[in-house]
């Protein structure tokens, strides 16, 4: 299941990041988004979603949300 399909308000554990783009991996890692970390979808938006990672909120687009497997 990807983050795009996640239920709002439920906490999930990131299983893996499904991308071959090293720059994207580095960006997500800098946000604290990596395997084993917890993530919560705060809300779904038309172009993506708002997530909470380590007490911070980020707006990510659908492409990123589909790369994060929970």
PDB file of N, CA and C in Angstrom:
ATOM      1  N   UNK A   1       0.851  -1.174   0.000  1.00  0.00           N
ATOM      2  CA  UNK A   1       0.000   0.000   0.000  1.00  0.00           C
ATOM      3  C   UNK A   1       0.896   1.236   0.000  1.00  0.00           C
ATOM      4  N   UNK A   2       0.511   2.239  -0.758  1.00  0.00           N
ATOM      5  CA  UNK A   2       1.291   3.473  -0.805  1.00  0.00           C
ATOM      6  C   UNK A   2       0.688   4.516   0.130  1.00  0.00           C
ATOM      7  N   UNK A   3       1.445   5.552   0.363  1.00  0.00           N
ATOM      8  CA  UNK A   3       0.987   6.631   1.230  1.00  0.00           C
ATOM      9  C   UNK A   3      -0.224   7.339   0.643  1.00  0.00           C
ATOM     10  N   UNK A   4      -0.355   7.322  -0.662  1.00  0.00           N
ATOM     11  CA  UNK A   4      -1.493   7.952  -1.325  1.00  0.00           C
ATOM     12  C   UNK A   4      -2.811   7.290  -0.921  1.00  0.00           C
ATOM     13  N   UNK A   5      -2.769   5.995  -0.577  1.00  0.00           N
ATOM     14  CA  UNK A   5      -3.959   5.240  -0.192  1.00  0.00           C
ATOM     15  C   UNK A   5      -4.203   5.216   1.316  1.00  0.00           C
ATOM     16  N   UNK A   6      -3.363   5.892   2.089  1.00  0.00           N
ATOM     17  CA  UNK A   6      -3.440   5.853   3.548  1.00  0.00           C
ATOM     18  C   UNK A   6      -4.680   6.567   4.079  1.00  0.00           C
ATOM     19  N   UNK A   7      -5.140   6.118   5.231  1.00  0.00           N
ATOM     20  CA  UNK A   7      -6.280   6.720   5.918  1.00  0.00           C
ATOM     21  C   UNK A   7      -5.785   7.925   6.725  1.00  0.00           C
ATOM     22  N   UNK A   8      -6.490   9.023   6.623  1.00  0.00           N
ATOM     23  CA  UNK A   8      -6.130  10.244   7.343  1.00  0.00           C
ATOM     24  C   UNK A   8      -6.191  10.001   8.849  1.00  0.00           C
ATOM     25  N   UNK A   9      -5.151  10.425   9.557  1.00  0.00           N
ATOM     26  CA  UNK A   9      -5.109  10.332  11.007  1.00  0.00           C
ATOM     27  C   UNK A   9      -4.535   9.038  11.558  1.00  0.00           C
ATOM     28  N   UNK A  10      -4.319   8.054  10.720  1.00  0.00           N
ATOM     29  CA  UNK A  10      -3.772   6.779  11.185  1.00  0.00           C
ATOM     30  C   UNK A  10      -2.254   6.786  11.023  1.00  0.00           C
ATOM     31  N   UNK A  11      -1.556   6.251  12.037  1.00  0.00           N
ATOM     32  CA  UNK A  11      -0.097   6.210  12.000  1.00  0.00           C
ATOM     33  C   UNK A  11       0.361   4.939  11.296  1.00  0.00           C
ATOM     34  N   UNK A  12       1.331   5.073  10.411  1.00  0.00           N
ATOM     35  CA  UNK A  12       1.878   3.953   9.654  1.00  0.00           C
ATOM     36  C   UNK A  12       3.385   3.904   9.829  1.00  0.00           C
ATOM     37  N   UNK A  13       3.964   2.733   9.574  1.00  0.00           N
ATOM     38  CA  UNK A  13       5.410   2.575   9.561  1.00  0.00           C
ATOM     39  C   UNK A  13       5.833   2.438   8.103  1.00  0.00           C
ATOM     40  N   UNK A  14       6.827   3.202   7.717  1.00  0.00           N
ATOM     41  CA  UNK A  14       7.313   3.157   6.342  1.00  0.00           C
ATOM     42  C   UNK A  14       8.058   1.844   6.134  1.00  0.00           C
ATOM     43  N   UNK A  15       7.618   1.065   5.156  1.00  0.00           N
ATOM     44  CA  UNK A  15       8.270  -0.204   4.848  1.00  0.00           C
ATOM     45  C   UNK A  15       9.474  -0.004   3.947  1.00  0.00           C
ATOM     46  N   UNK A  16       9.298   0.816   2.908  1.00  0.00           N
ATOM     47  CA  UNK A  16      10.430   1.124   2.022  1.00  0.00           C
ATOM     48  C   UNK A  16      10.068   2.299   1.125  1.00  0.00           C
ATOM     49  N   UNK A  17      11.095   2.848   0.505  1.00  0.00           N
ATOM     50  CA  UNK A  17      10.931   3.914  -0.471  1.00  0.00           C
ATOM     51  C   UNK A  17      11.196   3.284  -1.840  1.00  0.00           C
ATOM     52  N   UNK A  18      10.218   3.324  -2.712  1.00  0.00           N
ATOM     53  CA  UNK A  18      10.299   2.650  -4.013  1.00  0.00           C
ATOM     54  C   UNK A  18      10.668   3.639  -5.107  1.00  0.00           C
ATOM     55  N   UNK A  19      11.961   3.941  -5.218  1.00  0.00           N
ATOM     56  CA  UNK A  19      12.452   4.827  -6.269  1.00  0.00           C
ATOM     57  C   UNK A  19      13.911   4.503  -6.566  1.00  0.00           C
ATOM     58  N   UNK A  20      14.294   4.726  -7.808  1.00  0.00           N
ATOM     59  CA  UNK A  20      15.688   4.543  -8.208  1.00  0.00           C
ATOM     60  C   UNK A  20      16.436   5.873  -8.243  1.00  0.00           C
ATOM     61  N   UNK A  21      15.736   6.956  -7.981  1.00  0.00           N
ATOM     62  CA  UNK A  21      16.310   8.297  -8.014  1.00  0.00           C
ATOM     63  C   UNK A  21      17.036   8.579  -6.697  1.00  0.00           C
ATOM     64  N   UNK A  22      18.349   8.631  -6.731  1.00  0.00           N
ATOM     65  CA  UNK A  22      19.144   8.852  -5.519  1.00  0.00           C
ATOM     66  C   UNK A  22      18.896  10.238  -4.915  1.00  0.00           C
ATOM     67  N   UNK A  23      18.646  11.226  -5.764  1.00  0.00           N
ATOM     68  CA  UNK A  23      18.363  12.574  -5.262  1.00  0.00           C
ATOM     69  C   UNK A  23      17.048  12.598  -4.484  1.00  0.00           C
ATOM     70  N   UNK A  24      16.054  11.883  -4.985  1.00  0.00           N
ATOM     71  CA  UNK A  24      14.772  11.781  -4.291  1.00  0.00           C
ATOM     72  C   UNK A  24      14.938  11.042  -2.967  1.00  0.00           C
ATOM     73  N   UNK A  25      15.717   9.969  -2.973  1.00  0.00           N
ATOM     74  CA  UNK A  25      15.993   9.237  -1.729  1.00  0.00           C
ATOM     75  C   UNK A  25      16.666  10.141  -0.700  1.00  0.00           C
ATOM     76  N   UNK A  26      17.641  10.920  -1.137  1.00  0.00           N
ATOM     77  CA  UNK A  26      18.350  11.822  -0.227  1.00  0.00           C
ATOM     78  C   UNK A  26      17.415  12.892   0.321  1.00  0.00           C
ATOM     79  N   UNK A  27      16.537  13.411  -0.535  1.00  0.00           N
ATOM     80  CA  UNK A  27      15.581  14.426  -0.090  1.00  0.00           C
ATOM     81  C   UNK A  27      14.644  13.862   0.969  1.00  0.00           C
ATOM     82  N   UNK A  28      14.069  12.685   0.703  1.00  0.00           N
ATOM     83  CA  UNK A  28      13.153  12.073   1.668  1.00  0.00           C
ATOM     84  C   UNK A  28      13.870  11.737   2.970  1.00  0.00           C
ATOM     85  N   UNK A  29      15.116  11.272   2.880  1.00  0.00           N
ATOM     86  CA  UNK A  29      15.889  10.971   4.081  1.00  0.00           C
ATOM     87  C   UNK A  29      16.123  12.234   4.900  1.00  0.00           C
ATOM     88  N   UNK A  30      16.353  13.357   4.234  1.00  0.00           N
ATOM     89  CA  UNK A  30      16.571  14.622   4.953  1.00  0.00           C
ATOM     90  C   UNK A  30      15.312  15.075   5.699  1.00  0.00           C
ATOM     91  N   UNK A  31      14.141  14.641   5.214  1.00  0.00           N
ATOM     92  CA  UNK A  31      12.886  14.942   5.906  1.00  0.00           C
ATOM     93  C   UNK A  31      12.628  13.987   7.072  1.00  0.00           C
ATOM     94  N   UNK A  32      13.406  12.924   7.149  1.00  0.00           N
ATOM     95  CA  UNK A  32      13.185  11.908   8.180  1.00  0.00           C
ATOM     96  C   UNK A  32      12.303  10.787   7.678  1.00  0.00           C
ATOM     97  N   UNK A  33      12.159  10.681   6.377  1.00  0.00           N
ATOM     98  CA  UNK A  33      11.288   9.694   5.746  1.00  0.00           C
ATOM     99  C   UNK A  33      12.136   8.534   5.227  1.00  0.00           C
ATOM    100  N   UNK A  34      12.222   7.452   6.017  1.00  0.00           N
ATOM    101  CA  UNK A  34      13.008   6.283   5.641  1.00  0.00           C
ATOM    102  C   UNK A  34      12.401   5.040   6.274  1.00  0.00           C
ATOM    103  N   UNK A  35      12.840   3.877   5.863  1.00  0.00           N
ATOM    104  CA  UNK A  35      12.282   2.610   6.349  1.00  0.00           C
ATOM    105  C   UNK A  35      12.339   2.534   7.869  1.00  0.00           C
ATOM    106  N   UNK A  36      11.217   2.112   8.461  1.00  0.00           N
ATOM    107  CA  UNK A  36      11.133   1.948   9.906  1.00  0.00           C
ATOM    108  C   UNK A  36      10.604   3.168  10.645  1.00  0.00           C
ATOM    109  N   UNK A  37      10.540   4.301   9.980  1.00  0.00           N
ATOM    110  CA  UNK A  37      10.054   5.540  10.606  1.00  0.00           C
ATOM    111  C   UNK A  37       8.527   5.588  10.531  1.00  0.00           C
ATOM    112  N   UNK A  38       7.901   6.207  11.528  1.00  0.00           N
ATOM    113  CA  UNK A  38       6.444   6.343  11.517  1.00  0.00           C
ATOM    114  C   UNK A  38       6.053   7.600  10.751  1.00  0.00           C
ATOM    115  N   UNK A  39       4.891   7.528  10.104  1.00  0.00           N
ATOM    116  CA  UNK A  39       4.378   8.638   9.309  1.00  0.00           C
ATOM    117  C   UNK A  39       2.862   8.660   9.436  1.00  0.00           C
ATOM    118  N   UNK A  40       2.288   9.843   9.485  1.00  0.00           N
ATOM    119  CA  UNK A  40       0.842  10.013   9.596  1.00  0.00           C
ATOM    120  C   UNK A  40       0.371  10.964   8.512  1.00  0.00           C
ATOM    121  N   UNK A  41      -0.683  10.583   7.804  1.00  0.00           N
ATOM    122  CA  UNK A  41      -1.289  11.481   6.812  1.00  0.00           C
ATOM    123  C   UNK A  41      -2.242  12.406   7.556  1.00  0.00           C
ATOM    124  N   UNK A  42      -1.993  13.700   7.472  1.00  0.00           N
ATOM    125  CA  UNK A  42      -2.821  14.699   8.135  1.00  0.00           C
ATOM    126  C   UNK A  42      -4.044  15.014   7.273  1.00  0.00           C
ATOM    127  N   UNK A  43      -3.823  15.141   5.965  1.00  0.00           N
ATOM    128  CA  UNK A  43      -4.933  15.370   5.048  1.00  0.00           C
ATOM    129  C   UNK A  43      -4.510  15.033   3.626  1.00  0.00           C
ATOM    130  N   UNK A  44      -5.503  14.706   2.802  1.00  0.00           N
ATOM    131  CA  UNK A  44      -5.276  14.473   1.375  1.00  0.00           C
ATOM    132  C   UNK A  44      -5.691  15.729   0.627  1.00  0.00           C
ATOM    133  N   UNK A  45      -4.870  16.115  -0.324  1.00  0.00           N
ATOM    134  CA  UNK A  45      -5.148  17.272  -1.162  1.00  0.00           C
ATOM    135  C   UNK A  45      -5.282  16.807  -2.604  1.00  0.00           C
ATOM    136  N   UNK A  46      -5.745  17.682  -3.456  1.00  0.00           N
ATOM    137  CA  UNK A  46      -5.932  17.321  -4.865  1.00  0.00           C
ATOM    138  C   UNK A  46      -4.612  16.890  -5.520  1.00  0.00           C
ATOM    139  N   UNK A  47      -3.537  17.582  -5.229  1.00  0.00           N
ATOM    140  CA  UNK A  47      -2.255  17.279  -5.852  1.00  0.00           C
ATOM    141  C   UNK A  47      -1.304  16.473  -4.997  1.00  0.00           C
ATOM    142  N   UNK A  48      -1.719  16.049  -3.814  1.00  0.00           N
ATOM    143  CA  UNK A  48      -0.833  15.301  -2.929  1.00  0.00           C
ATOM    144  C   UNK A  48      -1.442  15.136  -1.558  1.00  0.00           C
ATOM    145  N   UNK A  49      -0.604  15.224  -0.523  1.00  0.00           N
ATOM    146  CA  UNK A  49      -1.107  15.083   0.840  1.00  0.00           C
ATOM    147  C   UNK A  49      -0.169  15.790   1.818  1.00  0.00           C
ATOM    148  N   UNK A  50      -0.695  16.064   2.989  1.00  0.00           N
ATOM    149  CA  UNK A  50       0.077  16.635   4.084  1.00  0.00           C
ATOM    150  C   UNK A  50       0.380  15.495   5.045  1.00  0.00           C
ATOM    151  N   UNK A  51       1.664  15.339   5.388  1.00  0.00           N
ATOM    152  CA  UNK A  51       2.079  14.256   6.271  1.00  0.00           C
ATOM    153  C   UNK A  51       2.810  14.811   7.485  1.00  0.00           C
ATOM    154  N   UNK A  52       2.792  14.032   8.540  1.00  0.00           N
ATOM    155  CA  UNK A  52       3.516  14.368   9.760  1.00  0.00           C
ATOM    156  C   UNK A  52       4.607  13.326   9.967  1.00  0.00           C
ATOM    157  N   UNK A  53       5.851  13.810  10.026  1.00  0.00           N
ATOM    158  CA  UNK A  53       7.002  12.955  10.266  1.00  0.00           C
ATOM    159  C   UNK A  53       7.823  13.608  11.366  1.00  0.00           C
ATOM    160  N   UNK A  54       8.056  12.896  12.449  1.00  0.00           N
ATOM    161  CA  UNK A  54       8.885  13.415  13.549  1.00  0.00           C
ATOM    162  C   UNK A  54       8.461  14.812  13.986  1.00  0.00           C
ATOM    163  N   UNK A  55       7.194  14.996  14.295  1.00  0.00           N
ATOM    164  CA  UNK A  55       6.652  16.262  14.800  1.00  0.00           C
ATOM    165  C   UNK A  55       6.784  17.432  13.826  1.00  0.00           C
ATOM    166  N   UNK A  56       6.949  17.158  12.549  1.00  0.00           N
ATOM    167  CA  UNK A  56       6.976  18.203  11.522  1.00  0.00           C
ATOM    168  C   UNK A  56       5.961  17.823  10.448  1.00  0.00           C
ATOM    169  N   UNK A  57       5.404  18.837   9.795  1.00  0.00           N
ATOM    170  CA  UNK A  57       4.421  18.587   8.729  1.00  0.00           C
ATOM    171  C   UNK A  57       4.998  19.007   7.386  1.00  0.00           C
ATOM    172  N   UNK A  58       4.730  18.174   6.378  1.00  0.00           N
ATOM    173  CA  UNK A  58       5.211  18.434   5.030  1.00  0.00           C
ATOM    174  C   UNK A  58       4.086  18.195   4.043  1.00  0.00           C
ATOM    175  N   UNK A  59       4.074  18.985   2.981  1.00  0.00           N
ATOM    176  CA  UNK A  59       3.143  18.793   1.883  1.00  0.00           C
ATOM    177  C   UNK A  59       3.912  18.080   0.778  1.00  0.00           C
ATOM    178  N   UNK A  60       3.500  16.867   0.425  1.00  0.00           N
ATOM    179  CA  UNK A  60       4.188  16.118  -0.615  1.00  0.00           C
ATOM    180  C   UNK A  60       3.231  15.860  -1.774  1.00  0.00           C
ATOM    181  N   UNK A  61       3.767  15.796  -2.978  1.00  0.00           N
ATOM    182  CA  UNK A  61       2.918  15.579  -4.149  1.00  0.00           C
ATOM    183  C   UNK A  61       2.613  14.091  -4.321  1.00  0.00           C
ATOM    184  N   UNK A  62       1.727  13.803  -5.262  1.00  0.00           N
ATOM    185  CA  UNK A  62       1.290  12.414  -5.473  1.00  0.00           C
ATOM    186  C   UNK A  62       2.429  11.503  -5.906  1.00  0.00           C
ATOM    187  N   UNK A  63       3.393  12.017  -6.666  1.00  0.00           N
ATOM    188  CA  UNK A  63       4.519  11.192  -7.095  1.00  0.00           C
ATOM    189  C   UNK A  63       5.325  10.704  -5.892  1.00  0.00           C
ATOM    190  N   UNK A  64       5.590  11.579  -4.948  1.00  0.00           N
ATOM    191  CA  UNK A  64       6.305  11.186  -3.733  1.00  0.00           C
ATOM    192  C   UNK A  64       5.465  10.235  -2.886  1.00  0.00           C
ATOM    193  N   UNK A  65       4.174  10.520  -2.791  1.00  0.00           N
ATOM    194  CA  UNK A  65       3.285   9.688  -1.985  1.00  0.00           C
ATOM    195  C   UNK A  65       3.212   8.264  -2.523  1.00  0.00           C
ATOM    196  N   UNK A  66       3.283   8.114  -3.843  1.00  0.00           N
ATOM    197  CA  UNK A  66       3.241   6.782  -4.438  1.00  0.00           C
ATOM    198  C   UNK A  66       4.562   6.043  -4.271  1.00  0.00           C
ATOM    199  N   UNK A  67       5.656   6.751  -4.026  1.00  0.00           N
ATOM    200  CA  UNK A  67       6.958   6.126  -3.834  1.00  0.00           C
ATOM    201  C   UNK A  67       7.171   5.638  -2.406  1.00  0.00           C
ATOM    202  N   UNK A  68       6.338   6.094  -1.468  1.00  0.00           N
ATOM    203  CA  UNK A  68       6.473   5.709  -0.066  1.00  0.00           C
ATOM    204  C   UNK A  68       5.513   4.549   0.223  1.00  0.00           C
ATOM    205  N   UNK A  69       6.082   3.392   0.486  1.00  0.00           N
ATOM    206  CA  UNK A  69       5.278   2.198   0.753  1.00  0.00           C
ATOM    207  C   UNK A  69       5.136   1.998   2.264  1.00  0.00           C
ATOM    208  N   UNK A  70       3.892   1.785   2.683  1.00  0.00           N
ATOM    209  CA  UNK A  70       3.613   1.619   4.109  1.00  0.00           C
ATOM    210  C   UNK A  70       3.005   0.251   4.363  1.00  0.00           C
TER     211      UNK A  70
END
